Amino acid sequence: MNDNDHSALLITDVQFDFLPRGSLGVPKGDAILKPLAALMESRRFPIQVATQDWHPPGHISFASSHEGRDVMDAIQLYGHEQILWPDHCVQDSHGAELYPDLPWRHVQAIVRKGANPLCDSYSAFRNNWDADGERPPTGLAGLLHERRIQHVWLCGLARDVCVRWTARDAVEDGFQVTVLWDLTRPVDPASDDEVRSELEGMGIAVMESGALR
């Protein structure tokens, strides 16, 4: 492990719409809340950052924005696959709120993503591809590099989408990366073996949060 002074905890999209009963609820997503709260309170990580999906109404990733399309259909958008999601994490809605019972007072920054109505954003570090074929940065990498962060520890929702994309981009941005597996949950549990294999194949560590104690 790196020196704690050079480590950051990145908490991905712990919002009502990604919790059970939310519009894009992750199965058993609420199981991460208690242990995540304990980790945040432990102050093991001097830098804690959260992300928040923050879509405008009518976002291009919503199935409701595409006539004749259903939720979970896949379309081509700017030359890349785009899954069409239920309306979720709409700006200023209850579903977009961060889960209030986590100790957010320990978080130094909140990165809002997905605010561009014309492209999606899974990763905390970059948007998905836009019409120009670019993946514009969110600014998070610059923030962490300025704080001399070398090691990013990932948790949150969902394991097979936003956590996965964030982990890949973090490696590309030069960070050492660990995914706290038990503090994530997937949209599709059948994806677990594929996701874990992909992450480990990129040199990303996968571990349980209990090993931090």
Protein backbone atom coordinates (compact mmCIF):
# COMPACT_ATOMS: atom_id res chain seq x y z
CA MET A 1 0.00 0.00 0.00
CA ASN A 2 1.05 3.54 -0.65
CA ASP A 3 1.44 6.05 2.13
CA ASN A 4 -2.05 7.14 3.22
CA ASP A 5 -1.11 10.75 2.51
CA HIS A 6 -1.05 9.89 -1.19
CA SER A 7 -4.32 7.93 -1.26
CA ALA A 8 -7.88 9.02 -2.01
CA LEU A 9 -11.23 7.30 -1.52
CA LEU A 10 -13.55 7.82 -4.50
CA ILE A 11 -17.23 7.19 -3.71
CA THR A 12 -19.22 6.63 -6.89
CA ASP A 13 -22.87 7.65 -7.31
CA VAL A 14 -24.41 6.61 -3.99
CA GLN A 15 -27.73 8.23 -4.91
CA PHE A 16 -31.34 7.30 -4.32
CA ASP A 17 -32.01 6.31 -7.93
CA PHE A 18 -29.23 3.69 -7.77
CA LEU A 19 -30.44 2.20 -4.50
CA PRO A 20 -33.22 -0.42 -4.30
CA ARG A 21 -36.58 1.13 -5.21
CA GLY A 22 -34.81 3.80 -7.25
CA SER A 23 -35.55 4.17 -10.95
CA LEU A 24 -32.27 2.41 -11.81
CA GLY A 25 -31.90 0.54 -8.55
CA VAL A 26 -28.84 -1.70 -8.20
CA PRO A 27 -29.75 -5.04 -6.58
CA LYS A 28 -28.58 -5.06 -2.95
CA GLY A 29 -26.97 -1.67 -3.47
CA ASP A 30 -28.01 -0.66 0.03
CA ALA A 31 -25.78 -3.42 1.46
CA ILE A 32 -22.74 -1.17 0.99
CA LEU A 33 -24.11 1.73 3.05
CA LYS A 34 -23.21 0.71 6.59
CA PRO A 35 -19.64 -0.47 5.89
CA LEU A 36 -19.06 2.50 3.60
CA ALA A 37 -20.15 4.90 6.33
CA ALA A 38 -17.73 3.23 8.75
CA LEU A 39 -14.86 3.55 6.27
CA MET A 40 -15.61 7.21 5.64
CA GLU A 41 -15.75 7.89 9.38
CA SER A 42 -12.47 6.08 9.96
CA ARG A 43 -10.63 8.91 8.20
CA ARG A 44 -8.19 6.38 6.82
CA PHE A 45 -8.15 8.39 3.61
CA PRO A 46 -7.14 12.05 3.94
CA ILE A 47 -8.85 12.85 0.65
CA GLN A 48 -12.40 11.64 -0.03
CA VAL A 49 -14.22 12.56 -3.24
CA ALA A 50 -17.75 11.68 -4.34
CA THR A 51 -19.39 11.59 -7.74
CA GLN A 52 -23.01 12.43 -8.50
CA ASP A 53 -24.90 11.59 -11.68
CA TRP A 54 -26.58 14.86 -12.68
CA HIS A 55 -28.68 14.51 -15.83
CA PRO A 56 -30.85 17.23 -17.32
CA PRO A 57 -34.41 16.22 -18.27
CA GLY A 58 -34.55 14.52 -21.66
CA HIS A 59 -30.96 13.30 -21.49
CA ILE A 60 -29.81 11.43 -24.59
CA SER A 61 -29.12 8.28 -22.54
CA PHE A 62 -32.76 7.96 -21.46
CA ALA A 63 -34.93 5.47 -23.35
CA SER A 64 -37.76 8.00 -23.04
CA SER A 65 -35.78 10.33 -25.32
CA HIS A 66 -35.85 7.81 -28.21
CA GLU A 67 -39.26 7.05 -29.70
CA GLY A 68 -39.92 3.34 -30.11
CA ARG A 69 -37.00 2.32 -27.90
CA ASP A 70 -37.15 0.44 -24.61
CA VAL A 71 -35.08 0.57 -21.45
CA MET A 72 -31.84 -1.44 -21.83
CA ASP A 73 -31.93 -1.26 -25.63
CA ALA A 74 -28.53 -0.58 -27.15
CA ILE A 75 -28.10 2.02 -29.88
CA GLN A 76 -25.12 3.46 -31.72
CA LEU A 77 -24.28 6.98 -30.57
CA TYR A 78 -21.32 8.80 -32.13
CA GLY A 79 -19.94 5.44 -33.27
CA HIS A 80 -20.12 3.74 -29.87
CA GLU A 81 -22.67 1.61 -28.05
CA GLN A 82 -25.07 3.48 -25.81
CA ILE A 83 -27.36 1.64 -23.42
CA LEU A 84 -30.71 3.37 -23.00
CA TRP A 85 -31.52 3.75 -19.33
CA PRO A 86 -34.68 4.64 -17.45
CA ASP A 87 -34.87 8.31 -16.53
CA HIS A 88 -32.62 8.60 -13.49
CA CYS A 89 -30.68 11.12 -11.40
CA VAL A 90 -32.48 14.05 -13.01
CA GLN A 91 -31.07 17.33 -11.76
CA ASP A 92 -32.69 18.60 -8.55
CA SER A 93 -34.85 15.47 -8.20
CA HIS A 94 -35.03 13.28 -5.11
CA GLY A 95 -33.48 10.41 -7.06
CA ALA A 96 -30.38 12.48 -7.82
CA GLU A 97 -29.68 13.23 -4.15
CA LEU A 98 -26.70 11.64 -2.45
CA TYR A 99 -27.83 9.19 0.23
CA PRO A 100 -28.06 11.54 3.23
CA ASP A 101 -27.05 9.16 6.03
CA LEU A 102 -23.45 8.84 4.84
CA PRO A 103 -20.93 11.20 6.50
CA TRP A 104 -20.50 13.52 3.53
CA ARG A 105 -18.81 16.09 5.79
CA HIS A 106 -15.59 14.13 5.24
CA VAL A 107 -15.77 14.63 1.46
CA GLN A 108 -13.60 17.40 0.03
CA ALA A 109 -15.20 17.53 -3.43
CA ILE A 110 -18.26 16.30 -5.32
CA VAL A 111 -17.87 15.76 -9.07
CA ARG A 112 -21.14 16.01 -10.97
CA LYS A 113 -21.22 14.06 -14.22
CA GLY A 114 -23.66 13.47 -17.05
CA ALA A 115 -24.77 17.11 -17.18
CA ASN A 116 -24.20 17.39 -20.92
CA PRO A 117 -27.60 16.50 -22.43
CA LEU A 118 -25.96 15.09 -25.58
CA CYS A 119 -23.55 12.55 -24.10
CA ASP A 120 -23.46 10.15 -21.19
CA SER A 121 -20.83 10.02 -18.46
CA TYR A 122 -20.04 6.80 -16.60
CA SER A 123 -16.51 7.54 -15.48
CA ALA A 124 -15.60 10.00 -12.74
CA PHE A 125 -12.65 11.10 -14.89
CA ARG A 126 -14.12 11.57 -18.38
CA ASN A 127 -17.43 11.85 -20.16
CA ASN A 128 -18.37 9.21 -22.68
CA TRP A 129 -17.73 10.04 -26.34
CA ASP A 130 -19.32 13.19 -27.68
CA ALA A 131 -20.24 14.23 -31.23
CA ASP A 132 -16.63 15.27 -31.86
CA GLY A 133 -15.33 11.83 -30.94
CA GLU A 134 -13.79 13.16 -27.74
CA ARG A 135 -14.10 12.12 -24.10
CA PRO A 136 -13.85 15.45 -22.27
CA PRO A 137 -12.28 15.30 -18.79
CA THR A 138 -14.28 16.10 -15.67
CA GLY A 139 -11.31 17.75 -13.97
CA LEU A 140 -11.00 15.08 -11.29
CA ALA A 141 -7.60 13.83 -12.46
CA GLY A 142 -6.18 17.33 -12.25
CA LEU A 143 -7.59 17.81 -8.77
CA LEU A 144 -6.07 14.55 -7.51
CA HIS A 145 -2.71 15.16 -9.14
CA GLU A 146 -2.58 18.62 -7.56
CA ARG A 147 -3.17 16.97 -4.18
CA ARG A 148 -0.30 14.55 -4.95
CA ILE A 149 -2.63 11.57 -4.91
CA GLN A 150 -1.02 8.44 -6.32
CA HIS A 151 -3.47 5.69 -5.28
CA VAL A 152 -7.24 5.79 -5.85
CA TRP A 153 -9.50 3.43 -3.91
CA LEU A 154 -12.89 2.93 -5.58
CA CYS A 155 -16.29 2.03 -4.16
CA GLY A 156 -19.94 2.77 -4.91
CA LEU A 157 -22.47 2.05 -7.63
CA ALA A 158 -22.55 0.39 -9.98
CA ARG A 159 -19.66 -2.08 -10.12
CA ASP A 160 -20.13 -3.06 -13.77
CA VAL A 161 -20.74 0.45 -15.14
CA CYS A 162 -19.50 3.60 -13.42
CA VAL A 163 -17.00 1.96 -11.04
CA ARG A 164 -15.61 -0.13 -13.90
CA TRP A 165 -15.20 2.83 -16.27
CA THR A 166 -13.73 4.98 -13.49
CA ALA A 167 -11.16 2.31 -12.66
CA ARG A 168 -10.03 2.02 -16.28
CA ASP A 169 -9.69 5.77 -16.70
CA ALA A 170 -7.87 6.13 -13.38
CA VAL A 171 -5.20 3.72 -14.61
CA GLU A 172 -4.88 5.63 -17.88
CA ASP A 173 -4.45 8.85 -15.89
CA GLY A 174 -1.50 7.35 -14.04
CA PHE A 175 -3.00 6.32 -10.72
CA GLN A 176 -2.55 3.09 -8.83
CA VAL A 177 -6.07 1.72 -8.42
CA THR A 178 -7.80 -0.57 -5.95
CA VAL A 179 -11.47 -1.54 -6.16
CA LEU A 180 -13.06 -2.33 -2.79
CA TRP A 181 -15.19 -5.15 -4.16
CA ASP A 182 -17.56 -5.56 -1.21
CA LEU A 183 -18.32 -1.82 -1.27
CA THR A 184 -19.69 -2.06 -4.80
CA ARG A 185 -22.65 -3.85 -6.35
CA PRO A 186 -23.44 -4.53 -10.04
CA VAL A 187 -26.47 -3.78 -12.17
CA ASP A 188 -25.98 -7.25 -13.66
CA PRO A 189 -24.57 -9.78 -11.16
CA ALA A 190 -23.75 -12.12 -14.05
CA SER A 191 -21.07 -9.62 -15.09
CA ASP A 192 -18.92 -10.11 -11.99
CA ASP A 193 -16.41 -12.63 -13.38
CA GLU A 194 -15.90 -10.59 -16.55
CA VAL A 195 -15.49 -7.32 -14.65
CA ARG A 196 -13.07 -8.75 -12.13
CA SER A 197 -10.97 -10.40 -14.84
CA GLU A 198 -10.83 -7.20 -16.86
CA LEU A 199 -9.80 -5.06 -13.89
CA GLU A 200 -7.13 -7.45 -12.69
CA GLY A 201 -5.85 -7.77 -16.24
CA MET A 202 -5.20 -4.01 -16.21
CA GLY A 203 -3.21 -4.25 -12.98
CA ILE A 204 -6.07 -3.01 -10.83
CA ALA A 205 -6.16 -4.55 -7.36
CA VAL A 206 -9.47 -6.04 -6.20
CA MET A 207 -9.88 -6.54 -2.46
CA GLU A 208 -12.34 -6.57 0.41
CA SER A 209 -12.62 -3.52 2.63
CA GLY A 210 -12.06 -5.66 5.75
CA ALA A 211 -8.41 -5.99 4.74
CA LEU A 212 -7.94 -2.29 5.47
CA ARG A 213 -8.41 -2.82 9.20
